Amino acid sequence: MPLTRRTRLVLTAGTGMLAVGAALAVHTLTGEDADAGLRPAKASGAPHCRRITSTAPAPLGGLPRRDSGLAGVAVWGQQDIVLRCGVTPPHLTPDPCFAVDGVDWIIDRAQSTGSRKVIVSYGRTPATQVVFNGRGQTDTALIALSKLIAPIRQTSHCIPSR
């Protein structure tokens, strides 16, 4: 029995929708979206954030950079390292503080776990948060990221100046 023109159109449209749905499912399951589960910080549109994300290194900590469509966000690997510029600057805290090339950083213990370290730049506005999710060379990444943060004027220190 020959198919009518309308039946062929319905079958073609249905097949096309199935193909698009399958492609979206594969895209989601393979982690192709660098921004999955991320959101920009409140002040992510600040000029310093645009500069930081536009000049952030392509490889960082041994991981390739992935394109992010979110303002103030840079991603390396499969979200192994995530930078979010424009977060609320931390206040004095008992959390550990350390300096890398003149930039003070706070380890956010409330958000960190055994395999996930969250650090935030200290004394600079906008503040920048970096999340290390288990992979990546943290020390070399912090040196590169500190060079990006250093041009932001420092207004306070979590480590006393010598």
N, C-alpha and C. Protein backbone atom coordinates (compact mmCIF):
# COMPACT_ATOMS: atom_id res chain seq x y z
N MET A 1 0.84 -1.17 0.00
CA MET A 1 0.00 0.00 0.00
C MET A 1 0.89 1.23 0.00
N PRO A 2 0.73 2.13 -0.94
CA PRO A 2 1.58 3.33 -1.04
C PRO A 2 1.25 4.30 0.10
N LEU A 3 2.32 4.98 0.56
CA LEU A 3 2.14 5.97 1.63
C LEU A 3 1.67 7.28 1.03
N THR A 4 0.81 7.95 1.76
CA THR A 4 0.34 9.25 1.29
C THR A 4 1.42 10.30 1.57
N ARG A 5 1.27 11.40 0.92
CA ARG A 5 2.25 12.47 1.12
C ARG A 5 2.26 12.91 2.58
N ARG A 6 1.12 13.01 3.19
CA ARG A 6 1.02 13.43 4.59
C ARG A 6 1.71 12.40 5.50
N THR A 7 1.53 11.13 5.27
CA THR A 7 2.15 10.08 6.09
C THR A 7 3.67 10.16 5.96
N ARG A 8 4.17 10.38 4.74
CA ARG A 8 5.62 10.51 4.54
C ARG A 8 6.17 11.72 5.30
N LEU A 9 5.44 12.85 5.27
CA LEU A 9 5.89 14.05 6.00
C LEU A 9 5.93 13.79 7.51
N VAL A 10 4.92 13.11 8.04
CA VAL A 10 4.88 12.81 9.47
C VAL A 10 6.02 11.89 9.84
N LEU A 11 6.27 10.87 9.03
CA LEU A 11 7.37 9.94 9.31
C LEU A 11 8.72 10.64 9.22
N THR A 12 8.89 11.51 8.24
CA THR A 12 10.14 12.24 8.09
C THR A 12 10.35 13.18 9.27
N ALA A 13 9.33 13.90 9.68
CA ALA A 13 9.44 14.81 10.83
C ALA A 13 9.73 14.03 12.11
N GLY A 14 9.05 12.91 12.28
CA GLY A 14 9.28 12.08 13.47
C GLY A 14 10.70 11.55 13.52
N THR A 15 11.21 11.09 12.38
CA THR A 15 12.59 10.59 12.31
C THR A 15 13.58 11.72 12.62
N GLY A 16 13.32 12.89 12.10
CA GLY A 16 14.19 14.05 12.36
C GLY A 16 14.21 14.41 13.84
N MET A 17 13.04 14.38 14.49
CA MET A 17 13.00 14.70 15.91
C MET A 17 13.72 13.64 16.73
N LEU A 18 13.61 12.39 16.34
CA LEU A 18 14.34 11.33 17.03
C LEU A 18 15.85 11.52 16.89
N ALA A 19 16.29 11.91 15.71
CA ALA A 19 17.73 12.13 15.49
C ALA A 19 18.23 13.29 16.34
N VAL A 20 17.48 14.38 16.39
CA VAL A 20 17.88 15.52 17.21
C VAL A 20 17.90 15.13 18.69
N GLY A 21 16.90 14.41 19.14
CA GLY A 21 16.85 13.95 20.53
C GLY A 21 18.02 13.05 20.87
N ALA A 22 18.37 12.15 19.97
CA ALA A 22 19.50 11.25 20.20
C ALA A 22 20.80 12.04 20.25
N ALA A 23 20.95 13.01 19.37
CA ALA A 23 22.17 13.83 19.38
C ALA A 23 22.28 14.62 20.67
N LEU A 24 21.18 15.17 21.16
CA LEU A 24 21.21 15.90 22.43
C LEU A 24 21.55 14.97 23.59
N ALA A 25 21.01 13.77 23.59
CA ALA A 25 21.31 12.81 24.65
C ALA A 25 22.78 12.43 24.65
N VAL A 26 23.33 12.17 23.48
CA VAL A 26 24.76 11.83 23.38
C VAL A 26 25.60 13.00 23.85
N HIS A 27 25.24 14.21 23.43
CA HIS A 27 25.97 15.42 23.83
C HIS A 27 25.97 15.54 25.36
N THR A 28 24.83 15.34 25.99
CA THR A 28 24.73 15.44 27.44
C THR A 28 25.49 14.33 28.14
N LEU A 29 25.37 13.12 27.67
CA LEU A 29 26.01 11.98 28.32
C LEU A 29 27.52 11.97 28.15
N THR A 30 28.04 12.55 27.08
CA THR A 30 29.48 12.53 26.87
C THR A 30 30.17 13.73 27.50
N GLY A 31 29.42 14.61 28.16
CA GLY A 31 30.04 15.75 28.84
C GLY A 31 30.62 16.78 27.90
N GLU A 32 30.01 16.95 26.75
CA GLU A 32 30.52 17.91 25.78
C GLU A 32 30.32 19.35 26.23
N ASP A 33 29.37 19.59 27.13
CA ASP A 33 29.07 20.95 27.54
C ASP A 33 29.97 21.36 28.69
N ALA A 34 30.91 22.27 28.42
CA ALA A 34 31.85 22.73 29.44
C ALA A 34 31.14 23.45 30.58
N ASP A 35 29.95 24.00 30.32
CA ASP A 35 29.24 24.80 31.32
C ASP A 35 28.19 24.03 32.11
N ALA A 36 28.06 22.74 31.89
CA ALA A 36 27.03 21.95 32.56
C ALA A 36 27.13 22.11 34.07
N GLY A 37 26.05 22.54 34.69
CA GLY A 37 25.99 22.68 36.13
C GLY A 37 26.67 23.93 36.69
N LEU A 38 27.22 24.78 35.83
CA LEU A 38 27.91 25.99 36.29
C LEU A 38 27.01 27.20 36.11
N ARG A 39 27.28 28.22 36.91
CA ARG A 39 26.59 29.49 36.71
C ARG A 39 27.57 30.62 36.96
N PRO A 40 27.39 31.72 36.26
CA PRO A 40 28.32 32.84 36.46
C PRO A 40 28.12 33.48 37.83
N ALA A 41 29.17 34.12 38.32
CA ALA A 41 29.09 34.82 39.60
C ALA A 41 28.36 36.15 39.41
N LYS A 42 27.97 36.74 40.52
CA LYS A 42 27.18 37.97 40.50
C LYS A 42 27.85 39.10 39.71
N ALA A 43 29.16 39.30 39.89
CA ALA A 43 29.87 40.39 39.21
C ALA A 43 30.71 39.89 38.04
N SER A 44 30.25 38.83 37.39
CA SER A 44 31.02 38.21 36.30
C SER A 44 31.22 39.11 35.09
N GLY A 45 30.43 40.14 34.95
CA GLY A 45 30.56 41.05 33.81
C GLY A 45 31.56 42.17 34.04
N ALA A 46 32.23 42.19 35.18
CA ALA A 46 33.20 43.25 35.49
C ALA A 46 34.33 43.23 34.46
N PRO A 47 34.89 44.39 34.13
CA PRO A 47 35.99 44.44 33.15
C PRO A 47 37.16 43.52 33.51
N HIS A 48 37.53 43.44 34.79
CA HIS A 48 38.62 42.54 35.17
C HIS A 48 38.26 41.09 34.86
N CYS A 49 37.00 40.72 35.03
CA CYS A 49 36.59 39.34 34.74
C CYS A 49 36.68 39.05 33.25
N ARG A 50 36.29 40.00 32.44
CA ARG A 50 36.41 39.80 30.98
C ARG A 50 37.88 39.62 30.61
N ARG A 51 38.75 40.44 31.20
CA ARG A 51 40.19 40.33 30.91
C ARG A 51 40.73 38.98 31.38
N ILE A 52 40.36 38.57 32.57
CA ILE A 52 40.87 37.32 33.13
C ILE A 52 40.46 36.13 32.26
N THR A 53 39.19 36.05 31.91
CA THR A 53 38.74 34.89 31.13
C THR A 53 39.22 34.95 29.68
N SER A 54 39.37 36.14 29.13
CA SER A 54 39.83 36.21 27.74
C SER A 54 41.32 35.93 27.60
N THR A 55 42.09 36.16 28.66
CA THR A 55 43.54 35.93 28.58
C THR A 55 43.99 34.71 29.37
N ALA A 56 43.05 33.97 29.93
CA ALA A 56 43.40 32.75 30.68
C ALA A 56 44.11 31.77 29.74
N PRO A 57 45.09 31.04 30.26
CA PRO A 57 45.88 30.15 29.40
C PRO A 57 45.06 29.01 28.80
N ALA A 58 45.44 28.59 27.59
CA ALA A 58 44.75 27.48 26.93
C ALA A 58 44.99 26.17 27.68
N PRO A 59 46.24 25.78 27.95
CA PRO A 59 46.41 24.65 28.85
C PRO A 59 46.67 25.21 30.25
N LEU A 60 46.11 24.55 31.26
CA LEU A 60 46.32 24.96 32.65
C LEU A 60 46.44 23.72 33.50
N GLY A 61 47.51 23.61 34.24
CA GLY A 61 47.72 22.45 35.09
C GLY A 61 47.76 21.15 34.31
N GLY A 62 48.20 21.22 33.05
CA GLY A 62 48.26 20.03 32.21
C GLY A 62 46.94 19.66 31.56
N LEU A 63 45.94 20.52 31.66
CA LEU A 63 44.61 20.24 31.10
C LEU A 63 44.25 21.24 30.01
N PRO A 64 43.55 20.80 28.96
CA PRO A 64 43.15 21.72 27.90
C PRO A 64 41.97 22.60 28.34
N ARG A 65 41.96 23.83 27.85
CA ARG A 65 40.84 24.73 28.13
C ARG A 65 39.68 24.37 27.21
N ARG A 66 38.48 24.45 27.78
CA ARG A 66 37.26 24.19 27.01
C ARG A 66 36.48 25.49 26.91
N ASP A 67 35.84 25.71 25.79
CA ASP A 67 35.07 26.93 25.60
C ASP A 67 33.92 26.99 26.60
N SER A 68 33.74 28.18 27.17
CA SER A 68 32.63 28.43 28.08
C SER A 68 31.81 29.57 27.53
N GLY A 69 30.53 29.40 27.54
CA GLY A 69 29.63 30.46 27.08
C GLY A 69 29.17 31.36 28.22
N LEU A 70 29.69 31.14 29.42
CA LEU A 70 29.26 31.92 30.58
C LEU A 70 30.25 33.05 30.86
N ALA A 71 29.72 34.22 31.15
CA ALA A 71 30.57 35.37 31.47
C ALA A 71 31.37 35.09 32.73
N GLY A 72 32.66 35.42 32.70
CA GLY A 72 33.51 35.28 33.87
C GLY A 72 33.86 33.86 34.25
N VAL A 73 33.63 32.90 33.35
CA VAL A 73 33.89 31.48 33.66
C VAL A 73 34.89 30.92 32.65
N ALA A 74 35.86 30.17 33.17
CA ALA A 74 36.82 29.44 32.33
C ALA A 74 36.89 28.01 32.87
N VAL A 75 36.99 27.04 31.96
CA VAL A 75 36.94 25.62 32.34
C VAL A 75 38.10 24.90 31.67
N TRP A 76 38.76 24.01 32.44
CA TRP A 76 39.82 23.17 31.91
C TRP A 76 39.50 21.72 32.19
N GLY A 77 39.79 20.85 31.21
CA GLY A 77 39.48 19.43 31.35
C GLY A 77 37.98 19.23 31.40
N GLN A 78 37.56 18.20 32.07
CA GLN A 78 36.13 17.91 32.24
C GLN A 78 35.67 18.57 33.53
N GLN A 79 35.83 19.89 33.61
CA GLN A 79 35.58 20.68 34.81
C GLN A 79 36.51 20.27 35.94
N ASP A 80 37.73 19.81 35.58
CA ASP A 80 38.73 19.49 36.58
C ASP A 80 39.22 20.75 37.26
N ILE A 81 39.29 21.85 36.50
CA ILE A 81 39.59 23.17 37.05
C ILE A 81 38.54 24.12 36.49
N VAL A 82 37.89 24.85 37.39
CA VAL A 82 36.86 25.82 37.00
C VAL A 82 37.17 27.15 37.67
N LEU A 83 37.27 28.19 36.87
CA LEU A 83 37.50 29.54 37.37
C LEU A 83 36.20 30.32 37.22
N ARG A 84 35.79 30.99 38.31
CA ARG A 84 34.62 31.88 38.28
C ARG A 84 35.05 33.22 38.83
N CYS A 85 35.08 34.20 37.97
CA CYS A 85 35.45 35.56 38.38
C CYS A 85 34.18 36.32 38.73
N GLY A 86 34.30 37.21 39.74
CA GLY A 86 33.17 38.04 40.12
C GLY A 86 32.41 37.53 41.33
N VAL A 87 33.01 36.57 42.06
CA VAL A 87 32.35 36.07 43.28
C VAL A 87 32.48 37.12 44.38
N THR A 88 31.67 37.00 45.41
CA THR A 88 31.74 37.92 46.55
C THR A 88 33.09 37.78 47.24
N PRO A 89 33.81 38.87 47.44
CA PRO A 89 35.11 38.80 48.10
C PRO A 89 34.97 38.27 49.53
N PRO A 90 35.86 37.37 49.94
CA PRO A 90 35.77 36.85 51.31
C PRO A 90 36.22 37.91 52.33
N HIS A 91 35.66 37.81 53.52
CA HIS A 91 36.06 38.67 54.63
C HIS A 91 37.07 37.92 55.48
N LEU A 92 37.54 38.52 56.55
CA LEU A 92 38.45 37.82 57.44
C LEU A 92 37.83 36.48 57.83
N THR A 93 38.64 35.45 57.82
CA THR A 93 38.15 34.10 58.05
C THR A 93 39.23 33.26 58.71
N PRO A 94 38.83 32.25 59.46
CA PRO A 94 39.84 31.35 60.02
C PRO A 94 40.32 30.32 58.99
N ASP A 95 39.75 30.33 57.78
CA ASP A 95 40.18 29.40 56.74
C ASP A 95 41.65 29.66 56.39
N PRO A 96 42.36 28.60 55.98
CA PRO A 96 43.78 28.77 55.63
C PRO A 96 43.98 29.77 54.50
N CYS A 97 45.06 30.52 54.61
CA CYS A 97 45.42 31.53 53.63
C CYS A 97 46.84 31.28 53.18
N PHE A 98 47.11 31.53 51.91
CA PHE A 98 48.46 31.40 51.38
C PHE A 98 48.63 32.40 50.25
N ALA A 99 49.86 32.70 49.92
CA ALA A 99 50.15 33.65 48.84
C ALA A 99 50.92 32.95 47.73
N VAL A 100 50.58 33.29 46.50
CA VAL A 100 51.29 32.79 45.32
C VAL A 100 51.63 34.00 44.47
N ASP A 101 52.91 34.27 44.31
CA ASP A 101 53.38 35.39 43.49
C ASP A 101 52.68 36.70 43.83
N GLY A 102 52.52 36.97 45.13
CA GLY A 102 51.94 38.23 45.58
C GLY A 102 50.42 38.27 45.62
N VAL A 103 49.75 37.19 45.29
CA VAL A 103 48.29 37.13 45.35
C VAL A 103 47.91 36.24 46.52
N ASP A 104 47.07 36.79 47.42
CA ASP A 104 46.58 36.02 48.56
C ASP A 104 45.37 35.20 48.14
N TRP A 105 45.33 33.96 48.62
CA TRP A 105 44.24 33.03 48.35
C TRP A 105 43.74 32.43 49.67
N ILE A 106 42.46 32.19 49.77
CA ILE A 106 41.83 31.53 50.91
C ILE A 106 41.34 30.16 50.45
N ILE A 107 41.57 29.14 51.26
CA ILE A 107 40.97 27.83 50.98
C ILE A 107 39.59 27.82 51.65
N ASP A 108 38.56 27.73 50.87
CA ASP A 108 37.19 27.74 51.38
C ASP A 108 36.87 26.33 51.90
N ARG A 109 37.07 26.13 53.20
CA ARG A 109 36.87 24.80 53.78
C ARG A 109 35.42 24.35 53.73
N ALA A 110 34.49 25.28 53.76
CA ALA A 110 33.06 24.92 53.74
C ALA A 110 32.68 24.26 52.42
N GLN A 111 33.34 24.64 51.32
CA GLN A 111 33.01 24.09 50.02
C GLN A 111 33.98 23.02 49.54
N SER A 112 35.11 22.88 50.24
CA SER A 112 36.13 21.91 49.84
C SER A 112 35.83 20.53 50.45
N THR A 113 36.30 19.50 49.75
CA THR A 113 36.19 18.12 50.24
C THR A 113 37.56 17.47 50.05
N GLY A 114 37.64 16.17 50.30
CA GLY A 114 38.90 15.46 50.11
C GLY A 114 39.40 15.49 48.68
N SER A 115 38.50 15.48 47.71
CA SER A 115 38.91 15.45 46.30
C SER A 115 38.61 16.75 45.57
N ARG A 116 38.06 17.73 46.28
CA ARG A 116 37.68 19.00 45.67
C ARG A 116 38.18 20.14 46.54
N LYS A 117 39.02 21.00 45.95
CA LYS A 117 39.53 22.16 46.68
C LYS A 117 38.97 23.43 46.05
N VAL A 118 38.41 24.28 46.90
CA VAL A 118 37.86 25.56 46.45
C VAL A 118 38.69 26.66 47.08
N ILE A 119 39.26 27.51 46.23
CA ILE A 119 40.04 28.64 46.72
C ILE A 119 39.47 29.93 46.15
N VAL A 120 39.67 31.03 46.89
CA VAL A 120 39.15 32.33 46.47
C VAL A 120 40.23 33.38 46.69
N SER A 121 40.41 34.25 45.70
CA SER A 121 41.38 35.33 45.86
C SER A 121 40.92 36.23 47.00
N TYR A 122 41.90 36.79 47.72
CA TYR A 122 41.58 37.58 48.91
C TYR A 122 42.10 39.01 48.74
N GLY A 123 41.28 39.99 49.15
CA GLY A 123 41.71 41.38 49.14
C GLY A 123 41.64 42.06 47.80
N ARG A 124 40.93 41.47 46.85
CA ARG A 124 40.81 42.06 45.51
C ARG A 124 39.35 41.96 45.06
N THR A 125 38.88 43.04 44.43
CA THR A 125 37.51 43.06 43.94
C THR A 125 37.54 43.39 42.45
N PRO A 126 36.98 42.51 41.61
CA PRO A 126 36.19 41.33 41.96
C PRO A 126 37.09 40.18 42.42
N ALA A 127 36.51 39.34 43.25
CA ALA A 127 37.23 38.15 43.71
C ALA A 127 37.06 37.03 42.68
N THR A 128 38.01 36.11 42.69
CA THR A 128 37.99 35.00 41.75
C THR A 128 38.02 33.69 42.53
N GLN A 129 37.14 32.79 42.18
CA GLN A 129 37.07 31.46 42.79
C GLN A 129 37.63 30.44 41.80
N VAL A 130 38.44 29.52 42.31
CA VAL A 130 38.95 28.44 41.48
C VAL A 130 38.64 27.14 42.18
N VAL A 131 38.05 26.21 41.44
CA VAL A 131 37.71 24.90 41.98
C VAL A 131 38.59 23.86 41.29
N PHE A 132 39.30 23.09 42.10
CA PHE A 132 40.13 21.98 41.62
C PHE A 132 39.41 20.69 41.97
N ASN A 133 39.00 19.94 40.96
CA ASN A 133 38.24 18.71 41.16
C ASN A 133 39.10 17.47 40.95
N GLY A 134 40.15 17.33 41.71
CA GLY A 134 40.91 16.08 41.71
C GLY A 134 42.04 15.96 40.72
N ARG A 135 41.90 16.44 39.50
CA ARG A 135 42.97 16.34 38.50
C ARG A 135 43.57 17.69 38.22
N GLY A 136 44.73 17.69 37.63
CA GLY A 136 45.37 18.94 37.28
C GLY A 136 46.49 19.27 38.25
N GLN A 137 47.48 19.93 37.75
CA GLN A 137 48.65 20.29 38.55
C GLN A 137 48.36 21.61 39.25
N THR A 138 47.96 21.53 40.51
CA THR A 138 47.51 22.70 41.26
C THR A 138 48.56 23.79 41.35
N ASP A 139 49.80 23.44 41.68
CA ASP A 139 50.84 24.46 41.88
C ASP A 139 51.09 25.28 40.61
N THR A 140 51.27 24.60 39.48
CA THR A 140 51.53 25.34 38.24
C THR A 140 50.30 26.13 37.81
N ALA A 141 49.11 25.60 38.07
CA ALA A 141 47.89 26.32 37.73
C ALA A 141 47.77 27.59 38.57
N LEU A 142 48.09 27.52 39.85
CA LEU A 142 47.99 28.71 40.71
C LEU A 142 48.99 29.79 40.32
N ILE A 143 50.15 29.40 39.87
CA ILE A 143 51.13 30.40 39.42
C ILE A 143 50.58 31.14 38.21
N ALA A 144 50.04 30.41 37.25
CA ALA A 144 49.48 31.04 36.04
C ALA A 144 48.27 31.90 36.40
N LEU A 145 47.39 31.42 37.27
CA LEU A 145 46.19 32.17 37.63
C LEU A 145 46.53 33.41 38.46
N SER A 146 47.54 33.31 39.31
CA SER A 146 47.94 34.47 40.11
C SER A 146 48.42 35.61 39.22
N LYS A 147 49.05 35.28 38.10
CA LYS A 147 49.49 36.32 37.16
C LYS A 147 48.29 37.05 36.56
N LEU A 148 47.18 36.35 36.39
CA LEU A 148 45.97 36.98 35.86
C LEU A 148 45.30 37.87 36.90
N ILE A 149 45.37 37.46 38.18
CA ILE A 149 44.69 38.18 39.26
C ILE A 149 45.51 39.38 39.74
N ALA A 150 46.82 39.30 39.65
CA ALA A 150 47.71 40.32 40.21
C ALA A 150 47.40 41.76 39.76
N PRO A 151 46.97 42.01 38.51
CA PRO A 151 46.69 43.40 38.13
C PRO A 151 45.51 44.04 38.87
N ILE A 152 44.67 43.26 39.53
CA ILE A 152 43.56 43.83 40.30
C ILE A 152 44.15 44.41 41.58
N ARG A 153 43.86 45.65 41.86
CA ARG A 153 44.42 46.33 43.04
C ARG A 153 44.07 45.58 44.32
N GLN A 154 45.09 45.32 45.12
CA GLN A 154 44.90 44.62 46.39
C GLN A 154 44.62 45.65 47.48
N THR A 155 43.51 45.45 48.21
CA THR A 155 43.11 46.39 49.25
C THR A 155 43.36 45.85 50.65
N SER A 156 43.55 44.54 50.79
CA SER A 156 43.85 43.97 52.09
C SER A 156 44.58 42.65 51.89
N HIS A 157 45.22 42.18 52.96
CA HIS A 157 46.00 40.95 52.92
C HIS A 157 45.48 39.98 53.97
N CYS A 158 45.47 38.71 53.64
CA CYS A 158 45.15 37.72 54.67
C CYS A 158 46.45 37.23 55.32
N ILE A 159 47.57 37.50 54.67
CA ILE A 159 48.88 37.21 55.24
C ILE A 159 49.57 38.55 55.44
N PRO A 160 50.04 38.85 56.67
CA PRO A 160 50.69 40.14 56.88
C PRO A 160 51.89 40.33 55.95
N SER A 161 52.04 41.54 55.44
CA SER A 161 53.19 41.86 54.58
C SER A 161 54.46 41.84 55.40
N ARG A 162 55.55 41.46 54.76
CA ARG A 162 56.84 41.40 55.47
C ARG A 162 57.60 42.66 55.26
